[in-house]
PDB file of N, CA and C in Angstrom:
ATOM      1  N   UNK A   1       9.299 -16.246   9.500  1.00  0.00           N
ATOM      2  CA  UNK A   1       8.422 -16.388   8.195  1.00  0.00           C
ATOM      3  C   UNK A   1       7.465 -15.128   7.906  1.00  0.00           C
ATOM      4  N   UNK A   2       6.934 -14.662   9.002  1.00  0.00           N
ATOM      5  CA  UNK A   2       6.005 -13.459   8.911  1.00  0.00           C
ATOM      6  C   UNK A   2       6.791 -12.269   8.436  1.00  0.00           C
ATOM      7  N   UNK A   3       8.083 -12.125   8.925  1.00  0.00           N
ATOM      8  CA  UNK A   3       8.837 -11.007   8.597  1.00  0.00           C
ATOM      9  C   UNK A   3       9.258 -11.050   7.130  1.00  0.00           C
ATOM     10  N   UNK A   4       9.572 -12.253   6.734  1.00  0.00           N
ATOM     11  CA  UNK A   4      10.039 -12.402   5.246  1.00  0.00           C
ATOM     12  C   UNK A   4       8.954 -12.082   4.389  1.00  0.00           C
ATOM     13  N   UNK A   5       7.788 -12.552   4.764  1.00  0.00           N
ATOM     14  CA  UNK A   5       6.510 -12.390   3.913  1.00  0.00           C
ATOM     15  C   UNK A   5       6.213 -10.783   3.896  1.00  0.00           C
ATOM     16  N   UNK A   6       6.216 -10.154   5.075  1.00  0.00           N
ATOM     17  CA  UNK A   6       6.070  -8.678   5.212  1.00  0.00           C
ATOM     18  C   UNK A   6       7.038  -7.997   4.338  1.00  0.00           C
ATOM     19  N   UNK A   7       8.251  -8.253   4.325  1.00  0.00           N
ATOM     20  CA  UNK A   7       9.324  -7.563   3.509  1.00  0.00           C
ATOM     21  C   UNK A   7       9.116  -7.795   2.107  1.00  0.00           C
ATOM     22  N   UNK A   8       8.598  -9.005   1.787  1.00  0.00           N
ATOM     23  CA  UNK A   8       8.189  -9.272   0.260  1.00  0.00           C
ATOM     24  C   UNK A   8       7.163  -8.353  -0.239  1.00  0.00           C
ATOM     25  N   UNK A   9       6.065  -8.313   0.561  1.00  0.00           N
ATOM     26  CA  UNK A   9       4.883  -7.544   0.235  1.00  0.00           C
ATOM     27  C   UNK A   9       5.439  -5.995   0.212  1.00  0.00           C
ATOM     28  N   UNK A  10       6.128  -5.538   1.219  1.00  0.00           N
ATOM     29  CA  UNK A  10       6.570  -4.146   1.121  1.00  0.00           C
ATOM     30  C   UNK A  10       7.314  -3.777  -0.006  1.00  0.00           C
ATOM     31  N   UNK A  11       8.306  -4.652  -0.481  1.00  0.00           N
ATOM     32  CA  UNK A  11       9.089  -4.371  -1.531  1.00  0.00           C
ATOM     33  C   UNK A  11       8.218  -4.474  -2.898  1.00  0.00           C
ATOM     34  N   UNK A  12       7.307  -5.417  -2.934  1.00  0.00           N
ATOM     35  CA  UNK A  12       6.384  -5.429  -4.099  1.00  0.00           C
ATOM     36  C   UNK A  12       5.679  -4.189  -4.178  1.00  0.00           C
ATOM     37  N   UNK A  13       5.002  -3.647  -3.106  1.00  0.00           N
ATOM     38  CA  UNK A  13       4.293  -2.405  -3.064  1.00  0.00           C
ATOM     39  C   UNK A  13       5.010  -1.299  -3.538  1.00  0.00           C
ATOM     40  N   UNK A  14       6.296  -1.276  -2.941  1.00  0.00           N
ATOM     41  CA  UNK A  14       7.207  -0.078  -3.306  1.00  0.00           C
ATOM     42  C   UNK A  14       7.560  -0.105  -4.883  1.00  0.00           C
ATOM     43  N   UNK A  15       7.730  -1.217  -5.367  1.00  0.00           N
ATOM     44  CA  UNK A  15       8.095  -1.491  -6.821  1.00  0.00           C
ATOM     45  C   UNK A  15       6.802  -0.936  -7.696  1.00  0.00           C
ATOM     46  N   UNK A  16       5.710  -1.465  -7.321  1.00  0.00           N
ATOM     47  CA  UNK A  16       4.460  -1.075  -8.073  1.00  0.00           C
ATOM     48  C   UNK A  16       4.264   0.397  -8.035  1.00  0.00           C
ATOM     49  N   UNK A  17       4.278   0.914  -6.879  1.00  0.00           N
ATOM     50  CA  UNK A  17       3.914   2.436  -6.801  1.00  0.00           C
ATOM     51  C   UNK A  17       5.036   3.237  -7.488  1.00  0.00           C
ATOM     52  N   UNK A  18       6.210   2.967  -7.294  1.00  0.00           N
ATOM     53  CA  UNK A  18       7.347   3.603  -8.028  1.00  0.00           C
ATOM     54  C   UNK A  18       7.119   3.600  -9.572  1.00  0.00           C
ATOM     55  N   UNK A  19       6.821   2.420 -10.094  1.00  0.00           N
ATOM     56  CA  UNK A  19       6.488   2.311 -11.562  1.00  0.00           C
ATOM     57  C   UNK A  19       5.264   3.077 -11.962  1.00  0.00           C
ATOM     58  N   UNK A  20       4.307   3.140 -11.239  1.00  0.00           N
ATOM     59  CA  UNK A  20       3.077   3.861 -11.501  1.00  0.00           C
ATOM     60  C   UNK A  20       3.456   5.354 -11.553  1.00  0.00           C
ATOM     61  N   UNK A  21       4.196   5.779 -10.509  1.00  0.00           N
ATOM     62  CA  UNK A  21       4.551   7.174 -10.488  1.00  0.00           C
ATOM     63  C   UNK A  21       5.424   7.457 -11.786  1.00  0.00           C
ATOM     64  N   UNK A  22       6.363   6.685 -12.248  1.00  0.00           N
ATOM     65  CA  UNK A  22       7.131   6.873 -13.352  1.00  0.00           C
ATOM     66  C   UNK A  22       6.342   6.972 -14.617  1.00  0.00           C
ATOM     67  N   UNK A  23       5.242   6.058 -14.740  1.00  0.00           N
ATOM     68  CA  UNK A  23       4.448   6.048 -15.957  1.00  0.00           C
ATOM     69  C   UNK A  23       3.572   7.381 -16.035  1.00  0.00           C
ATOM     70  N   UNK A  24       3.016   7.649 -14.782  1.00  0.00           N
ATOM     71  CA  UNK A  24       2.150   8.804 -14.760  1.00  0.00           C
ATOM     72  C   UNK A  24       2.828  10.177 -15.059  1.00  0.00           C
ATOM     73  N   UNK A  25       4.057  10.258 -14.371  1.00  0.00           N
ATOM     74  CA  UNK A  25       4.848  11.459 -14.543  1.00  0.00           C
ATOM     75  C   UNK A  25       4.522  12.591 -13.583  1.00  0.00           C
ATOM     76  N   UNK A  26       3.425  12.498 -13.000  1.00  0.00           N
ATOM     77  CA  UNK A  26       2.877  13.613 -11.990  1.00  0.00           C
ATOM     78  C   UNK A  26       2.495  13.134 -10.640  1.00  0.00           C
ATOM     79  N   UNK A  27       1.780  12.093 -10.714  1.00  0.00           N
ATOM     80  CA  UNK A  27       1.167  11.575  -9.350  1.00  0.00           C
ATOM     81  C   UNK A  27       2.381  10.989  -8.464  1.00  0.00           C
ATOM     82  N   UNK A  28       2.218  11.161  -7.165  1.00  0.00           N
ATOM     83  CA  UNK A  28       2.967  10.437  -6.234  1.00  0.00           C
ATOM     84  C   UNK A  28       2.130   9.763  -5.255  1.00  0.00           C
ATOM     85  N   UNK A  29       2.667   8.745  -4.683  1.00  0.00           N
ATOM     86  CA  UNK A  29       1.941   7.960  -3.613  1.00  0.00           C
ATOM     87  C   UNK A  29       2.421   8.430  -2.326  1.00  0.00           C
ATOM     88  N   UNK A  30       1.492   8.633  -1.401  1.00  0.00           N
ATOM     89  CA  UNK A  30       1.723   8.920   0.004  1.00  0.00           C
ATOM     90  C   UNK A  30       1.611   7.647   0.881  1.00  0.00           C
ATOM     91  N   UNK A  31       2.680   7.366   1.684  1.00  0.00           N
ATOM     92  CA  UNK A  31       2.611   6.113   2.572  1.00  0.00           C
ATOM     93  C   UNK A  31       2.115   6.349   3.939  1.00  0.00           C
ATOM     94  N   UNK A  32       1.049   5.744   4.158  1.00  0.00           N
ATOM     95  CA  UNK A  32       0.589   5.821   5.615  1.00  0.00           C
ATOM     96  C   UNK A  32       0.940   4.581   6.343  1.00  0.00           C
ATOM     97  N   UNK A  33       1.411   4.760   7.590  1.00  0.00           N
ATOM     98  CA  UNK A  33       1.768   3.723   8.342  1.00  0.00           C
ATOM     99  C   UNK A  33       0.508   3.285   9.297  1.00  0.00           C
ATOM    100  N   UNK A  34       0.146   2.012   9.349  1.00  0.00           N
ATOM    101  CA  UNK A  34      -0.953   1.590  10.161  1.00  0.00           C
ATOM    102  C   UNK A  34      -0.396   0.314  10.937  1.00  0.00           C
ATOM    103  N   UNK A  35      -0.988   0.170  12.127  1.00  0.00           N
ATOM    104  CA  UNK A  35      -0.772  -0.986  12.920  1.00  0.00           C
ATOM    105  C   UNK A  35      -1.949  -1.959  12.912  1.00  0.00           C
ATOM    106  N   UNK A  36      -1.749  -3.093  12.164  1.00  0.00           N
ATOM    107  CA  UNK A  36      -2.739  -4.065  12.127  1.00  0.00           C
ATOM    108  C   UNK A  36      -2.254  -5.467  12.518  1.00  0.00           C
ATOM    109  N   UNK A  37      -3.296  -6.192  12.900  1.00  0.00           N
ATOM    110  CA  UNK A  37      -2.912  -7.734  13.218  1.00  0.00           C
ATOM    111  C   UNK A  37      -1.602  -7.979  13.760  1.00  0.00           C
ATOM    112  N   UNK A  38      -1.614  -8.305  15.132  1.00  0.00           N
ATOM    113  CA  UNK A  38      -0.362  -8.704  15.811  1.00  0.00           C
ATOM    114  C   UNK A  38       0.563  -7.471  15.857  1.00  0.00           C
ATOM    115  N   UNK A  39       0.113  -6.299  15.855  1.00  0.00           N
ATOM    116  CA  UNK A  39       0.960  -5.097  15.996  1.00  0.00           C
ATOM    117  C   UNK A  39       2.046  -4.927  14.932  1.00  0.00           C
ATOM    118  N   UNK A  40       1.884  -5.707  13.742  1.00  0.00           N
ATOM    119  CA  UNK A  40       2.837  -5.608  12.677  1.00  0.00           C
ATOM    120  C   UNK A  40       2.477  -4.390  11.711  1.00  0.00           C
ATOM    121  N   UNK A  41       3.446  -3.515  11.587  1.00  0.00           N
ATOM    122  CA  UNK A  41       3.182  -2.387  10.752  1.00  0.00           C
ATOM    123  C   UNK A  41       2.912  -2.725   9.260  1.00  0.00           C
ATOM    124  N   UNK A  42       2.012  -2.114   8.720  1.00  0.00           N
ATOM    125  CA  UNK A  42       1.609  -2.322   7.361  1.00  0.00           C
ATOM    126  C   UNK A  42       1.521  -0.983   6.699  1.00  0.00           C
ATOM    127  N   UNK A  43       2.198  -0.789   5.547  1.00  0.00           N
ATOM    128  CA  UNK A  43       2.094   0.418   4.774  1.00  0.00           C
ATOM    129  C   UNK A  43       0.898   0.236   3.828  1.00  0.00           C
ATOM    130  N   UNK A  44       0.223   1.338   3.815  1.00  0.00           N
ATOM    131  CA  UNK A  44      -1.036   1.417   2.874  1.00  0.00           C
ATOM    132  C   UNK A  44      -0.947   2.684   2.110  1.00  0.00           C
ATOM    133  N   UNK A  45      -1.011   2.633   0.947  1.00  0.00           N
ATOM    134  CA  UNK A  45      -0.922   3.895   0.061  1.00  0.00           C
ATOM    135  C   UNK A  45      -2.358   4.480   0.042  1.00  0.00           C
ATOM    136  N   UNK A  46      -2.400   5.862  -0.267  1.00  0.00           N
ATOM    137  CA  UNK A  46      -3.781   6.393  -0.264  1.00  0.00           C
ATOM    138  C   UNK A  46      -4.545   5.885  -1.309  1.00  0.00           C
ATOM    139  N   UNK A  47      -3.914   5.400  -2.518  1.00  0.00           N
ATOM    140  CA  UNK A  47      -4.775   4.702  -3.553  1.00  0.00           C
ATOM    141  C   UNK A  47      -5.452   3.520  -3.030  1.00  0.00           C
ATOM    142  N   UNK A  48      -4.717   2.756  -2.141  1.00  0.00           N
ATOM    143  CA  UNK A  48      -5.257   1.525  -1.624  1.00  0.00           C
ATOM    144  C   UNK A  48      -6.371   1.884  -0.731  1.00  0.00           C
ATOM    145  N   UNK A  49      -6.282   2.989   0.100  1.00  0.00           N
ATOM    146  CA  UNK A  49      -7.372   3.359   0.949  1.00  0.00           C
ATOM    147  C   UNK A  49      -8.612   3.784   0.302  1.00  0.00           C
ATOM    148  N   UNK A  50      -8.307   4.549  -0.892  1.00  0.00           N
ATOM    149  CA  UNK A  50      -9.557   5.003  -1.643  1.00  0.00           C
ATOM    150  C   UNK A  50     -10.165   3.704  -2.321  1.00  0.00           C
ATOM    151  N   UNK A  51      -9.474   2.706  -2.691  1.00  0.00           N
ATOM    152  CA  UNK A  51     -10.070   1.601  -3.260  1.00  0.00           C
ATOM    153  C   UNK A  51     -10.913   0.910  -2.289  1.00  0.00           C
ATOM    154  N   UNK A  52     -10.384   0.852  -0.966  1.00  0.00           N
ATOM    155  CA  UNK A  52     -11.096   0.145   0.072  1.00  0.00           C
ATOM    156  C   UNK A  52     -12.430   1.031   0.376  1.00  0.00           C
ATOM    157  N   UNK A  53     -12.245   2.223   0.421  1.00  0.00           N
ATOM    158  CA  UNK A  53     -13.392   3.103   0.699  1.00  0.00           C
ATOM    159  C   UNK A  53     -14.434   2.891  -0.320  1.00  0.00           C
ATOM    160  N   UNK A  54     -14.041   2.918  -1.617  1.00  0.00           N
ATOM    161  CA  UNK A  54     -15.024   2.674  -2.704  1.00  0.00           C
ATOM    162  C   UNK A  54     -15.683   1.378  -2.642  1.00  0.00           C
ATOM    163  N   UNK A  55     -14.978   0.281  -2.281  1.00  0.00           N
ATOM    164  CA  UNK A  55     -15.645  -0.967  -2.171  1.00  0.00           C
ATOM    165  C   UNK A  55     -16.542  -0.949  -0.933  1.00  0.00           C
ATOM    166  N   UNK A  56     -16.295  -0.314   0.031  1.00  0.00           N
ATOM    167  CA  UNK A  56     -17.190  -0.215   1.213  1.00  0.00           C
ATOM    168  C   UNK A  56     -18.502   0.424   0.858  1.00  0.00           C
ATOM    169  N   UNK A  57     -18.405   1.442   0.028  1.00  0.00           N
ATOM    170  CA  UNK A  57     -19.537   2.316  -0.292  1.00  0.00           C
ATOM    171  C   UNK A  57     -20.528   1.472  -1.226  1.00  0.00           C
ATOM    172  N   UNK A  58     -20.074   0.524  -1.955  1.00  0.00           N
ATOM    173  CA  UNK A  58     -20.712  -0.397  -2.821  1.00  0.00           C
ATOM    174  C   UNK A  58     -21.565  -1.404  -1.935  1.00  0.00           C
ATOM    175  N   UNK A  59     -21.012  -1.690  -0.782  1.00  0.00           N
ATOM    176  CA  UNK A  59     -21.552  -2.695   0.009  1.00  0.00           C
ATOM    177  C   UNK A  59     -22.855  -2.357   0.659  1.00  0.00           C
TER     178      UNK A  59
END
């Protein structure tokens, strides 16, 4: 079940970032691999990391 959910989230993230790249026409997303929770790999885009950093600065 965890792997199925992971695959769903990964595919969703790929679809969203691909469509954003198409709409923008210039920007590309860089994928960073992280190991989080139970050693399950999780891909995080640079945009996601910037959002997390911005939220942490507001705290």
